[in-house]
Amino acid sequence: MRKEQRAKKIIELLKAEYPDAGCSLDYDEAWKLLVSVRLAAQCTDARVNVVVEELYREFPTVDALAEAEVGAIEQIVRPCGLGPSKARDISACMKQLKEQYDGRVPDDFDALLKLPGVGRKSANLIMGDVFGKPAIVTDTHCIRLVNRMGLVDGVKEPKKVEMALWKIIPPEEGNDFCHRLVHHGRAVCTARTKPDCEHCCLRDVCKKAGV
C-alpha cells in the first residue's frame, strides 16, 4: 500500500473514531495557548490546565505577564517542571508580544518562530488551532504513531517527520489529524505499554499490524 493511500484511509478511520478531537490544552485567547504549549513541554496537558488557572488569576493579560517578575511566574509554573526556563521564556515572549505586536499573537509562521520559547511544534499548533491554517504538529504521539503506521520510515527528528507528512497529508486535514493521533496515542497506541492492536481502529491499515 502506498503511503498516500495509507494516509487517506488512516485519516478516514481516525475521523470516525474521534470525530470531536481537538487540542486538550484549555485556552480562550491565542496568547494563552502560547503560554500553555510552552508549559506542556515534559508535562501533561491536564496539569498545565490546572496551573494556568492560577497563573491567569494573578496575571490576566499579556501586559500583566510581560510586567511580572520572572520569579513570580516561576513560583506558579513550577509544578509543570523546568520552572526557571519556562518562566523566562513566557516572560520574554509576552514582552515581545507587547512591544512588537500590540499584545496580539502574529498569524505568520516565521514570526511565531522568532518568539522566545516557540518552536515548530508550537508555531504549527497556533497556526492550526487559532488561525485555522494548514498545520502539522509533530509531538511525541505523532512521531511514534506515524512510524508505527508506516507513514514515515524510522524518522524520529520532528522537523523531518513534519516535512514527510506534508507530502502525504492533505493540508486541510493536517491539524485535526495530529490532534486525533494524540487521542489515539493516549488511548490505544501507547508508548509505555504494548499497543492494543486487537482493539485498534487502524488494525486493517497499520503497517505494524502487518498490512
N, C-alpha and C. Protein backbone atom coordinates (compact mmCIF):
# COMPACT_ATOMS: atom_id res chain seq x y z
N MET A 1 0.83 -1.20 0.00
CA MET A 1 0.00 0.00 0.00
C MET A 1 0.87 1.26 0.00
N ARG A 2 0.62 2.16 -0.92
CA ARG A 2 1.39 3.41 -0.98
C ARG A 2 1.07 4.28 0.23
N LYS A 3 2.04 5.10 0.62
CA LYS A 3 1.86 5.92 1.81
C LYS A 3 0.68 6.88 1.68
N GLU A 4 0.48 7.43 0.49
CA GLU A 4 -0.65 8.34 0.29
C GLU A 4 -1.97 7.62 0.52
N GLN A 5 -2.06 6.39 0.01
CA GLN A 5 -3.28 5.59 0.21
C GLN A 5 -3.48 5.25 1.68
N ARG A 6 -2.39 4.84 2.31
CA ARG A 6 -2.46 4.50 3.74
C ARG A 6 -2.89 5.72 4.56
N ALA A 7 -2.31 6.88 4.25
CA ALA A 7 -2.64 8.10 4.97
C ALA A 7 -4.12 8.45 4.81
N LYS A 8 -4.63 8.35 3.60
CA LYS A 8 -6.03 8.68 3.35
C LYS A 8 -6.96 7.79 4.17
N LYS A 9 -6.67 6.50 4.21
CA LYS A 9 -7.51 5.57 4.96
C LYS A 9 -7.40 5.82 6.45
N ILE A 10 -6.19 6.08 6.94
CA ILE A 10 -5.99 6.36 8.37
C ILE A 10 -6.77 7.60 8.79
N ILE A 11 -6.71 8.64 7.96
CA ILE A 11 -7.46 9.86 8.25
C ILE A 11 -8.95 9.57 8.39
N GLU A 12 -9.49 8.79 7.46
CA GLU A 12 -10.92 8.45 7.49
C GLU A 12 -11.28 7.67 8.75
N LEU A 13 -10.46 6.70 9.11
CA LEU A 13 -10.74 5.86 10.28
C LEU A 13 -10.63 6.66 11.58
N LEU A 14 -9.64 7.53 11.67
CA LEU A 14 -9.49 8.34 12.88
C LEU A 14 -10.62 9.35 13.01
N LYS A 15 -11.10 9.88 11.89
CA LYS A 15 -12.26 10.79 11.93
C LYS A 15 -13.47 10.08 12.52
N ALA A 16 -13.68 8.85 12.11
CA ALA A 16 -14.82 8.09 12.61
C ALA A 16 -14.67 7.76 14.09
N GLU A 17 -13.43 7.49 14.52
CA GLU A 17 -13.18 7.08 15.90
C GLU A 17 -13.18 8.27 16.86
N TYR A 18 -12.64 9.40 16.40
CA TYR A 18 -12.51 10.59 17.24
C TYR A 18 -13.07 11.81 16.50
N PRO A 19 -14.37 11.87 16.33
CA PRO A 19 -14.95 12.94 15.50
C PRO A 19 -14.77 14.34 16.07
N ASP A 20 -14.66 14.44 17.38
CA ASP A 20 -14.59 15.76 18.01
C ASP A 20 -13.22 16.06 18.61
N ALA A 21 -12.21 15.35 18.17
CA ALA A 21 -10.87 15.54 18.74
C ALA A 21 -10.37 16.95 18.50
N GLY A 22 -9.77 17.51 19.53
CA GLY A 22 -9.20 18.85 19.42
C GLY A 22 -8.06 19.00 20.42
N CYS A 23 -7.57 20.19 20.55
CA CYS A 23 -6.48 20.47 21.47
C CYS A 23 -6.93 20.24 22.91
N SER A 24 -6.14 19.54 23.69
CA SER A 24 -6.51 19.26 25.08
C SER A 24 -6.00 20.31 26.06
N LEU A 25 -5.36 21.35 25.54
CA LEU A 25 -4.97 22.49 26.38
C LEU A 25 -6.12 23.49 26.39
N ASP A 26 -6.46 23.97 27.58
CA ASP A 26 -7.56 24.93 27.71
C ASP A 26 -7.06 26.34 27.43
N TYR A 27 -7.79 27.06 26.60
CA TYR A 27 -7.44 28.45 26.33
C TYR A 27 -8.63 29.14 25.69
N ASP A 28 -8.71 30.46 25.88
CA ASP A 28 -9.76 31.24 25.22
C ASP A 28 -9.20 32.44 24.49
N GLU A 29 -7.87 32.57 24.51
CA GLU A 29 -7.17 33.61 23.76
C GLU A 29 -5.88 33.02 23.22
N ALA A 30 -5.43 33.55 22.09
CA ALA A 30 -4.26 32.98 21.43
C ALA A 30 -3.02 33.01 22.32
N TRP A 31 -2.80 34.08 23.04
CA TRP A 31 -1.59 34.18 23.86
C TRP A 31 -1.58 33.12 24.97
N LYS A 32 -2.77 32.74 25.42
CA LYS A 32 -2.84 31.72 26.47
C LYS A 32 -2.41 30.36 25.93
N LEU A 33 -2.72 30.09 24.67
CA LEU A 33 -2.25 28.84 24.08
C LEU A 33 -0.73 28.85 23.96
N LEU A 34 -0.16 29.99 23.63
CA LEU A 34 1.30 30.11 23.58
C LEU A 34 1.91 29.76 24.94
N VAL A 35 1.32 30.30 26.00
CA VAL A 35 1.82 30.03 27.35
C VAL A 35 1.67 28.54 27.67
N SER A 36 0.49 28.00 27.40
CA SER A 36 0.23 26.61 27.77
C SER A 36 1.11 25.63 27.02
N VAL A 37 1.34 25.88 25.75
CA VAL A 37 2.14 24.93 24.98
C VAL A 37 3.59 24.96 25.44
N ARG A 38 4.06 26.11 25.93
CA ARG A 38 5.41 26.15 26.50
C ARG A 38 5.46 25.36 27.80
N LEU A 39 4.44 25.49 28.62
CA LEU A 39 4.41 24.76 29.88
C LEU A 39 4.24 23.27 29.68
N ALA A 40 3.67 22.87 28.55
CA ALA A 40 3.37 21.46 28.31
C ALA A 40 4.60 20.62 27.99
N ALA A 41 5.74 21.26 27.74
CA ALA A 41 6.96 20.50 27.47
C ALA A 41 7.30 19.64 28.68
N GLN A 42 7.38 18.33 28.48
CA GLN A 42 7.68 17.36 29.54
C GLN A 42 6.70 17.46 30.70
N CYS A 43 5.47 17.80 30.39
CA CYS A 43 4.42 17.89 31.40
C CYS A 43 3.10 17.51 30.75
N THR A 44 2.17 16.99 31.54
CA THR A 44 0.87 16.61 30.98
C THR A 44 0.00 17.84 30.74
N ASP A 45 -0.84 17.74 29.71
CA ASP A 45 -1.78 18.84 29.44
C ASP A 45 -2.73 19.04 30.61
N ALA A 46 -3.10 17.97 31.27
CA ALA A 46 -4.02 18.08 32.41
C ALA A 46 -3.42 18.94 33.52
N ARG A 47 -2.16 18.73 33.81
CA ARG A 47 -1.52 19.53 34.86
C ARG A 47 -1.37 20.98 34.41
N VAL A 48 -1.02 21.19 33.16
CA VAL A 48 -0.91 22.56 32.64
C VAL A 48 -2.23 23.30 32.81
N ASN A 49 -3.33 22.63 32.48
CA ASN A 49 -4.65 23.26 32.57
C ASN A 49 -4.97 23.71 33.99
N VAL A 50 -4.47 22.98 34.97
CA VAL A 50 -4.68 23.37 36.37
C VAL A 50 -3.79 24.55 36.74
N VAL A 51 -2.52 24.47 36.35
CA VAL A 51 -1.54 25.50 36.73
C VAL A 51 -1.89 26.86 36.13
N VAL A 52 -2.33 26.88 34.88
CA VAL A 52 -2.58 28.18 34.24
C VAL A 52 -3.78 28.90 34.85
N GLU A 53 -4.66 28.18 35.51
CA GLU A 53 -5.77 28.86 36.18
C GLU A 53 -5.24 29.86 37.21
N GLU A 54 -4.28 29.43 38.00
CA GLU A 54 -3.68 30.32 38.99
C GLU A 54 -2.85 31.41 38.31
N LEU A 55 -2.13 31.03 37.25
CA LEU A 55 -1.29 32.00 36.55
C LEU A 55 -2.14 33.14 36.00
N TYR A 56 -3.29 32.83 35.41
CA TYR A 56 -4.12 33.87 34.80
C TYR A 56 -4.93 34.65 35.84
N ARG A 57 -5.17 34.06 36.99
CA ARG A 57 -5.78 34.85 38.07
C ARG A 57 -4.82 35.94 38.53
N GLU A 58 -3.56 35.58 38.58
CA GLU A 58 -2.55 36.54 39.05
C GLU A 58 -2.15 37.52 37.95
N PHE A 59 -2.05 37.01 36.71
CA PHE A 59 -1.60 37.83 35.58
C PHE A 59 -2.57 37.61 34.41
N PRO A 60 -3.68 38.36 34.36
CA PRO A 60 -4.77 38.04 33.43
C PRO A 60 -4.61 38.55 32.00
N THR A 61 -3.54 39.28 31.71
CA THR A 61 -3.36 39.84 30.37
C THR A 61 -1.92 39.68 29.91
N VAL A 62 -1.71 39.90 28.62
CA VAL A 62 -0.34 39.90 28.08
C VAL A 62 0.50 40.93 28.81
N ASP A 63 -0.04 42.13 28.99
CA ASP A 63 0.71 43.19 29.66
C ASP A 63 1.09 42.80 31.09
N ALA A 64 0.16 42.19 31.80
CA ALA A 64 0.43 41.80 33.18
C ALA A 64 1.55 40.77 33.26
N LEU A 65 1.53 39.80 32.36
CA LEU A 65 2.60 38.79 32.34
C LEU A 65 3.92 39.40 31.90
N ALA A 66 3.86 40.33 30.95
CA ALA A 66 5.08 40.98 30.46
C ALA A 66 5.75 41.79 31.56
N GLU A 67 4.93 42.34 32.45
CA GLU A 67 5.47 43.20 33.52
C GLU A 67 5.79 42.41 34.78
N ALA A 68 5.39 41.17 34.84
CA ALA A 68 5.61 40.37 36.05
C ALA A 68 7.07 40.01 36.23
N GLU A 69 7.47 39.86 37.48
CA GLU A 69 8.81 39.35 37.77
C GLU A 69 8.90 37.88 37.34
N VAL A 70 10.03 37.54 36.75
CA VAL A 70 10.21 36.15 36.31
C VAL A 70 10.06 35.20 37.49
N GLY A 71 10.55 35.60 38.63
CA GLY A 71 10.45 34.75 39.82
C GLY A 71 9.02 34.48 40.24
N ALA A 72 8.16 35.48 40.05
CA ALA A 72 6.75 35.31 40.41
C ALA A 72 6.07 34.33 39.45
N ILE A 73 6.44 34.39 38.18
CA ILE A 73 5.90 33.44 37.21
C ILE A 73 6.41 32.03 37.53
N GLU A 74 7.70 31.94 37.83
CA GLU A 74 8.30 30.63 38.11
C GLU A 74 7.65 29.96 39.31
N GLN A 75 7.33 30.72 40.34
CA GLN A 75 6.73 30.15 41.53
C GLN A 75 5.39 29.46 41.21
N ILE A 76 4.65 30.04 40.27
CA ILE A 76 3.35 29.47 39.91
C ILE A 76 3.50 28.27 38.98
N VAL A 77 4.41 28.36 38.01
CA VAL A 77 4.51 27.31 36.98
C VAL A 77 5.44 26.16 37.38
N ARG A 78 6.04 26.23 38.55
CA ARG A 78 6.99 25.20 38.98
C ARG A 78 6.43 23.79 38.92
N PRO A 79 5.15 23.56 39.23
CA PRO A 79 4.63 22.18 39.15
C PRO A 79 4.69 21.57 37.75
N CYS A 80 4.87 22.39 36.72
CA CYS A 80 4.97 21.87 35.36
C CYS A 80 6.38 21.39 35.02
N GLY A 81 7.33 21.61 35.94
CA GLY A 81 8.71 21.22 35.68
C GLY A 81 9.44 22.26 34.85
N LEU A 82 10.76 22.24 34.94
CA LEU A 82 11.61 23.18 34.18
C LEU A 82 11.18 24.61 34.43
N GLY A 83 10.80 24.90 35.67
CA GLY A 83 10.25 26.20 36.02
C GLY A 83 11.07 27.40 35.60
N PRO A 84 12.38 27.43 35.89
CA PRO A 84 13.17 28.62 35.54
C PRO A 84 13.17 28.94 34.05
N SER A 85 13.40 27.93 33.22
CA SER A 85 13.47 28.20 31.78
C SER A 85 12.10 28.52 31.21
N LYS A 86 11.06 27.84 31.68
CA LYS A 86 9.72 28.13 31.19
C LYS A 86 9.28 29.53 31.59
N ALA A 87 9.57 29.92 32.82
CA ALA A 87 9.20 31.26 33.28
C ALA A 87 9.93 32.33 32.47
N ARG A 88 11.21 32.11 32.21
CA ARG A 88 11.97 33.08 31.41
C ARG A 88 11.39 33.22 30.01
N ASP A 89 11.08 32.09 29.39
CA ASP A 89 10.54 32.12 28.04
C ASP A 89 9.17 32.81 27.99
N ILE A 90 8.32 32.49 28.96
CA ILE A 90 6.99 33.10 28.99
C ILE A 90 7.11 34.61 29.17
N SER A 91 7.96 35.02 30.08
CA SER A 91 8.16 36.46 30.31
C SER A 91 8.66 37.15 29.05
N ALA A 92 9.69 36.58 28.43
CA ALA A 92 10.27 37.20 27.23
C ALA A 92 9.28 37.20 26.07
N CYS A 93 8.51 36.13 25.94
CA CYS A 93 7.53 36.03 24.86
C CYS A 93 6.44 37.08 25.01
N MET A 94 5.94 37.24 26.23
CA MET A 94 4.89 38.25 26.47
C MET A 94 5.42 39.67 26.26
N LYS A 95 6.67 39.90 26.65
CA LYS A 95 7.28 41.21 26.41
C LYS A 95 7.35 41.51 24.92
N GLN A 96 7.72 40.50 24.13
CA GLN A 96 7.84 40.68 22.69
C GLN A 96 6.46 40.91 22.06
N LEU A 97 5.45 40.18 22.53
CA LEU A 97 4.10 40.42 22.02
C LEU A 97 3.65 41.84 22.33
N LYS A 98 3.93 42.29 23.53
CA LYS A 98 3.52 43.63 23.94
C LYS A 98 4.24 44.70 23.14
N GLU A 99 5.54 44.54 22.94
CA GLU A 99 6.35 45.59 22.32
C GLU A 99 6.26 45.59 20.80
N GLN A 100 6.12 44.40 20.19
CA GLN A 100 6.16 44.33 18.73
C GLN A 100 4.80 44.11 18.07
N TYR A 101 3.84 43.55 18.82
CA TYR A 101 2.58 43.17 18.17
C TYR A 101 1.35 43.70 18.91
N ASP A 102 1.55 44.71 19.74
CA ASP A 102 0.44 45.32 20.46
C ASP A 102 -0.35 44.29 21.26
N GLY A 103 0.35 43.30 21.77
CA GLY A 103 -0.26 42.28 22.61
C GLY A 103 -0.95 41.17 21.85
N ARG A 104 -0.89 41.20 20.53
CA ARG A 104 -1.55 40.18 19.72
C ARG A 104 -0.55 39.13 19.25
N VAL A 105 -1.04 37.92 19.03
CA VAL A 105 -0.20 36.84 18.52
C VAL A 105 -0.18 36.93 16.99
N PRO A 106 1.00 36.97 16.38
CA PRO A 106 1.09 37.08 14.91
C PRO A 106 0.58 35.82 14.23
N ASP A 107 -0.04 36.01 13.06
CA ASP A 107 -0.56 34.85 12.31
C ASP A 107 0.37 34.44 11.19
N ASP A 108 1.66 34.65 11.40
CA ASP A 108 2.69 34.29 10.43
C ASP A 108 3.62 33.27 11.08
N PHE A 109 3.85 32.17 10.39
CA PHE A 109 4.64 31.07 10.96
C PHE A 109 6.05 31.52 11.32
N ASP A 110 6.71 32.22 10.42
CA ASP A 110 8.09 32.64 10.68
C ASP A 110 8.16 33.63 11.83
N ALA A 111 7.15 34.50 11.94
CA ALA A 111 7.11 35.45 13.05
C ALA A 111 6.93 34.71 14.37
N LEU A 112 6.12 33.68 14.38
CA LEU A 112 5.93 32.89 15.60
C LEU A 112 7.23 32.22 16.03
N LEU A 113 8.00 31.74 15.08
CA LEU A 113 9.26 31.07 15.41
C LEU A 113 10.27 32.02 16.05
N LYS A 114 10.09 33.31 15.87
CA LYS A 114 11.01 34.29 16.46
C LYS A 114 10.65 34.64 17.90
N LEU A 115 9.49 34.16 18.36
CA LEU A 115 9.10 34.42 19.74
C LEU A 115 9.87 33.48 20.67
N PRO A 116 10.32 33.97 21.82
CA PRO A 116 11.06 33.13 22.76
C PRO A 116 10.26 31.91 23.18
N GLY A 117 10.92 30.75 23.14
CA GLY A 117 10.30 29.52 23.58
C GLY A 117 9.37 28.86 22.58
N VAL A 118 9.26 29.41 21.37
CA VAL A 118 8.35 28.87 20.37
C VAL A 118 9.14 28.15 19.29
N GLY A 119 8.88 26.85 19.14
CA GLY A 119 9.50 26.05 18.08
C GLY A 119 8.47 25.70 17.02
N ARG A 120 8.83 24.82 16.14
CA ARG A 120 7.95 24.47 15.03
C ARG A 120 6.64 23.83 15.51
N LYS A 121 6.74 22.97 16.53
CA LYS A 121 5.54 22.32 17.04
C LYS A 121 4.55 23.36 17.57
N SER A 122 5.04 24.26 18.38
CA SER A 122 4.18 25.30 18.95
C SER A 122 3.61 26.21 17.87
N ALA A 123 4.46 26.60 16.93
CA ALA A 123 4.02 27.50 15.86
C ALA A 123 2.94 26.84 15.01
N ASN A 124 3.12 25.56 14.71
CA ASN A 124 2.10 24.84 13.94
C ASN A 124 0.79 24.75 14.71
N LEU A 125 0.86 24.50 16.01
CA LEU A 125 -0.35 24.42 16.81
C LEU A 125 -1.11 25.73 16.78
N ILE A 126 -0.40 26.84 16.91
CA ILE A 126 -1.04 28.16 16.86
C ILE A 126 -1.65 28.40 15.49
N MET A 127 -0.91 28.10 14.44
CA MET A 127 -1.41 28.33 13.09
C MET A 127 -2.67 27.53 12.82
N GLY A 128 -2.69 26.28 13.28
CA GLY A 128 -3.84 25.43 13.02
C GLY A 128 -5.03 25.72 13.91
N ASP A 129 -4.79 25.78 15.23
CA ASP A 129 -5.90 25.90 16.18
C ASP A 129 -6.44 27.32 16.27
N VAL A 130 -5.56 28.30 16.23
CA VAL A 130 -6.01 29.69 16.41
C VAL A 130 -6.42 30.32 15.08
N PHE A 131 -5.64 30.10 14.05
CA PHE A 131 -5.87 30.80 12.79
C PHE A 131 -6.47 29.93 11.69
N GLY A 132 -6.66 28.64 11.98
CA GLY A 132 -7.32 27.76 11.01
C GLY A 132 -6.54 27.54 9.73
N LYS A 133 -5.22 27.63 9.82
CA LYS A 133 -4.38 27.45 8.64
C LYS A 133 -3.77 26.05 8.64
N PRO A 134 -3.31 25.57 7.48
CA PRO A 134 -2.70 24.23 7.43
C PRO A 134 -1.57 24.09 8.44
N ALA A 135 -1.56 22.98 9.14
CA ALA A 135 -0.56 22.78 10.19
C ALA A 135 -0.36 21.29 10.45
N ILE A 136 0.86 20.93 10.78
CA ILE A 136 1.17 19.56 11.21
C ILE A 136 2.01 19.66 12.48
N VAL A 137 1.45 19.18 13.57
CA VAL A 137 2.10 19.28 14.87
C VAL A 137 2.77 17.94 15.20
N THR A 138 4.08 17.92 15.13
CA THR A 138 4.81 16.67 15.34
C THR A 138 5.25 16.54 16.79
N ASP A 139 4.29 16.19 17.65
CA ASP A 139 4.64 15.92 19.03
C ASP A 139 5.06 14.45 19.16
N THR A 140 5.28 13.99 20.40
CA THR A 140 5.80 12.64 20.58
C THR A 140 4.79 11.58 20.12
N HIS A 141 3.50 11.83 20.33
CA HIS A 141 2.49 10.88 19.87
C HIS A 141 2.52 10.76 18.35
N CYS A 142 2.54 11.90 17.69
CA CYS A 142 2.56 11.90 16.22
C CYS A 142 3.77 11.14 15.70
N ILE A 143 4.94 11.42 16.21
CA ILE A 143 6.16 10.78 15.72
C ILE A 143 6.11 9.28 15.95
N ARG A 144 5.68 8.86 17.13
CA ARG A 144 5.61 7.42 17.43
C ARG A 144 4.61 6.72 16.52
N LEU A 145 3.42 7.30 16.38
CA LEU A 145 2.35 6.63 15.64
C LEU A 145 2.60 6.58 14.14
N VAL A 146 3.08 7.66 13.55
CA VAL A 146 3.25 7.64 12.10
C VAL A 146 4.38 6.70 11.69
N ASN A 147 5.34 6.48 12.60
CA ASN A 147 6.37 5.47 12.33
C ASN A 147 5.78 4.07 12.42
N ARG A 148 4.97 3.82 13.44
CA ARG A 148 4.35 2.51 13.58
C ARG A 148 3.41 2.21 12.41
N MET A 149 2.68 3.22 11.99
CA MET A 149 1.68 3.04 10.93
C MET A 149 2.30 2.85 9.55
N GLY A 150 3.56 3.29 9.40
CA GLY A 150 4.22 3.18 8.11
C GLY A 150 4.07 4.41 7.24
N LEU A 151 3.71 5.55 7.86
CA LEU A 151 3.63 6.79 7.08
C LEU A 151 5.00 7.43 6.92
N VAL A 152 5.89 7.15 7.85
CA VAL A 152 7.30 7.51 7.71
C VAL A 152 8.11 6.28 8.09
N ASP A 153 9.36 6.24 7.68
CA ASP A 153 10.18 5.04 7.87
C ASP A 153 11.36 5.33 8.79
N GLY A 154 11.16 5.07 10.07
CA GLY A 154 12.25 5.20 11.03
C GLY A 154 12.75 6.63 11.20
N VAL A 155 11.89 7.60 11.00
CA VAL A 155 12.27 9.01 11.14
C VAL A 155 11.79 9.51 12.50
N LYS A 156 12.70 10.03 13.31
CA LYS A 156 12.34 10.47 14.65
C LYS A 156 12.53 11.97 14.86
N GLU A 157 13.27 12.62 13.99
CA GLU A 157 13.52 14.06 14.16
C GLU A 157 12.26 14.83 13.77
N PRO A 158 11.71 15.66 14.68
CA PRO A 158 10.40 16.28 14.45
C PRO A 158 10.25 17.02 13.13
N LYS A 159 11.23 17.81 12.75
CA LYS A 159 11.09 18.57 11.51
C LYS A 159 11.06 17.64 10.30
N LYS A 160 11.87 16.59 10.32
CA LYS A 160 11.89 15.65 9.20
C LYS A 160 10.56 14.90 9.10
N VAL A 161 9.98 14.55 10.25
CA VAL A 161 8.66 13.91 10.24
C VAL A 161 7.63 14.88 9.67
N GLU A 162 7.68 16.12 10.12
CA GLU A 162 6.74 17.13 9.61
C GLU A 162 6.84 17.27 8.09
N MET A 163 8.05 17.38 7.59
CA MET A 163 8.24 17.54 6.14
C MET A 163 7.74 16.32 5.37
N ALA A 164 7.95 15.13 5.93
CA ALA A 164 7.49 13.91 5.27
C ALA A 164 5.96 13.86 5.24
N LEU A 165 5.32 14.29 6.33
CA LEU A 165 3.86 14.25 6.39
C LEU A 165 3.22 15.27 5.47
N TRP A 166 3.87 16.43 5.29
CA TRP A 166 3.33 17.43 4.37
C TRP A 166 3.14 16.85 2.97
N LYS A 167 3.95 15.85 2.62
CA LYS A 167 3.90 15.28 1.28
C LYS A 167 2.73 14.32 1.08
N ILE A 168 2.17 13.81 2.18
CA ILE A 168 1.13 12.78 2.04
C ILE A 168 -0.18 13.12 2.75
N ILE A 169 -0.17 14.13 3.61
CA ILE A 169 -1.39 14.52 4.33
C ILE A 169 -1.98 15.77 3.67
N PRO A 170 -3.24 15.74 3.22
CA PRO A 170 -3.85 16.94 2.64
C PRO A 170 -3.76 18.11 3.62
N PRO A 171 -3.38 19.29 3.16
CA PRO A 171 -3.17 20.43 4.06
C PRO A 171 -4.35 20.70 4.99
N GLU A 172 -5.56 20.56 4.46
CA GLU A 172 -6.74 20.88 5.26
C GLU A 172 -7.01 19.83 6.35
N GLU A 173 -6.33 18.69 6.27
CA GLU A 173 -6.54 17.62 7.24
C GLU A 173 -5.47 17.59 8.33
N GLY A 174 -4.34 18.25 8.10
CA GLY A 174 -3.18 18.08 8.96
C GLY A 174 -3.40 18.36 10.43
N ASN A 175 -4.03 19.49 10.74
CA ASN A 175 -4.18 19.88 12.14
C ASN A 175 -5.05 18.90 12.92
N ASP A 176 -6.23 18.58 12.38
CA ASP A 176 -7.12 17.64 13.07
C ASP A 176 -6.53 16.24 13.11
N PHE A 177 -5.84 15.85 12.06
CA PHE A 177 -5.17 14.55 12.03
C PHE A 177 -4.22 14.41 13.21
N CYS A 178 -3.43 15.44 13.46
CA CYS A 178 -2.46 15.38 14.56
C CYS A 178 -3.15 15.35 15.91
N HIS A 179 -4.24 16.09 16.07
CA HIS A 179 -5.00 16.02 17.32
C HIS A 179 -5.54 14.61 17.55
N ARG A 180 -6.02 14.00 16.49
CA ARG A 180 -6.56 12.64 16.63
C ARG A 180 -5.46 11.63 16.95
N LEU A 181 -4.27 11.86 16.44
CA LEU A 181 -3.14 10.98 16.80
C LEU A 181 -2.86 11.06 18.30
N VAL A 182 -2.97 12.24 18.87
CA VAL A 182 -2.75 12.39 20.31
C VAL A 182 -3.77 11.57 21.09
N HIS A 183 -5.04 11.69 20.72
CA HIS A 183 -6.08 10.92 21.40
C HIS A 183 -5.84 9.42 21.24
N HIS A 184 -5.48 9.00 20.04
CA HIS A 184 -5.26 7.59 19.78
C HIS A 184 -4.01 7.09 20.50
N GLY A 185 -2.98 7.94 20.56
CA GLY A 185 -1.75 7.57 21.23
C GLY A 185 -1.92 7.43 22.73
N ARG A 186 -2.84 8.18 23.30
CA ARG A 186 -3.11 8.05 24.74
C ARG A 186 -4.01 6.87 25.06
N ALA A 187 -4.96 6.59 24.17
CA ALA A 187 -5.98 5.59 24.48
C ALA A 187 -5.61 4.18 24.02
N VAL A 188 -4.92 4.06 22.88
CA VAL A 188 -4.74 2.75 22.26
C VAL A 188 -3.27 2.45 21.93
N CYS A 189 -2.68 3.30 21.14
CA CYS A 189 -1.32 3.06 20.64
C CYS A 189 -0.31 3.74 21.56
N THR A 190 -0.23 3.24 22.78
CA THR A 190 0.50 3.92 23.83
C THR A 190 2.01 3.71 23.73
N ALA A 191 2.74 4.52 24.49
CA ALA A 191 4.20 4.46 24.46
C ALA A 191 4.75 3.52 25.52
N ARG A 192 4.14 3.51 26.70
CA ARG A 192 4.72 2.80 27.83
C ARG A 192 4.29 1.34 27.93
N THR A 193 3.20 1.00 27.27
CA THR A 193 2.74 -0.38 27.27
C THR A 193 2.63 -0.87 25.83
N LYS A 194 2.39 -2.15 25.66
CA LYS A 194 2.24 -2.69 24.32
C LYS A 194 1.01 -2.11 23.65
N PRO A 195 1.11 -1.67 22.41
CA PRO A 195 -0.07 -1.13 21.71
C PRO A 195 -1.20 -2.15 21.69
N ASP A 196 -2.42 -1.66 21.88
CA ASP A 196 -3.59 -2.54 21.91
C ASP A 196 -4.10 -2.74 20.48
N CYS A 197 -3.30 -3.45 19.69
CA CYS A 197 -3.62 -3.61 18.26
C CYS A 197 -4.94 -4.34 18.05
N GLU A 198 -5.28 -5.24 18.96
CA GLU A 198 -6.50 -6.03 18.81
C GLU A 198 -7.74 -5.14 18.77
N HIS A 199 -7.71 -4.05 19.52
CA HIS A 199 -8.87 -3.17 19.60
C HIS A 199 -8.63 -1.84 18.87
N CYS A 200 -7.67 -1.81 18.00
CA CYS A 200 -7.31 -0.57 17.29
C CYS A 200 -8.15 -0.41 16.03
N CYS A 201 -8.68 0.78 15.83
CA CYS A 201 -9.49 1.04 14.65
C CYS A 201 -8.65 1.04 13.37
N LEU A 202 -7.33 1.05 13.53
CA LEU A 202 -6.43 1.10 12.37
C LEU A 202 -5.78 -0.24 12.06
N ARG A 203 -6.22 -1.29 12.74
CA ARG A 203 -5.51 -2.58 12.62
C ARG A 203 -5.49 -3.12 11.19
N ASP A 204 -6.47 -2.74 10.36
CA ASP A 204 -6.51 -3.26 8.98
C ASP A 204 -5.71 -2.43 8.00
N VAL A 205 -5.10 -1.34 8.49
CA VAL A 205 -4.35 -0.49 7.58
C VAL A 205 -2.96 -0.14 8.13
N CYS A 206 -2.70 -0.50 9.38
CA CYS A 206 -1.45 -0.14 10.03
C CYS A 206 -0.32 -1.10 9.66
N LYS A 207 0.83 -0.55 9.37
CA LYS A 207 1.97 -1.37 8.97
C LYS A 207 2.43 -2.28 10.12
N LYS A 208 2.34 -1.78 11.35
CA LYS A 208 2.75 -2.59 12.49
C LYS A 208 1.90 -3.85 12.61
N ALA A 209 0.65 -3.76 12.16
CA ALA A 209 -0.24 -4.91 12.21
C ALA A 209 0.01 -5.87 11.03
N GLY A 210 0.99 -5.54 10.21
CA GLY A 210 1.36 -6.42 9.12
C GLY A 210 0.66 -6.15 7.81
N VAL A 211 0.02 -5.00 7.69
CA VAL A 211 -0.70 -4.66 6.45
C VAL A 211 0.25 -4.00 5.48
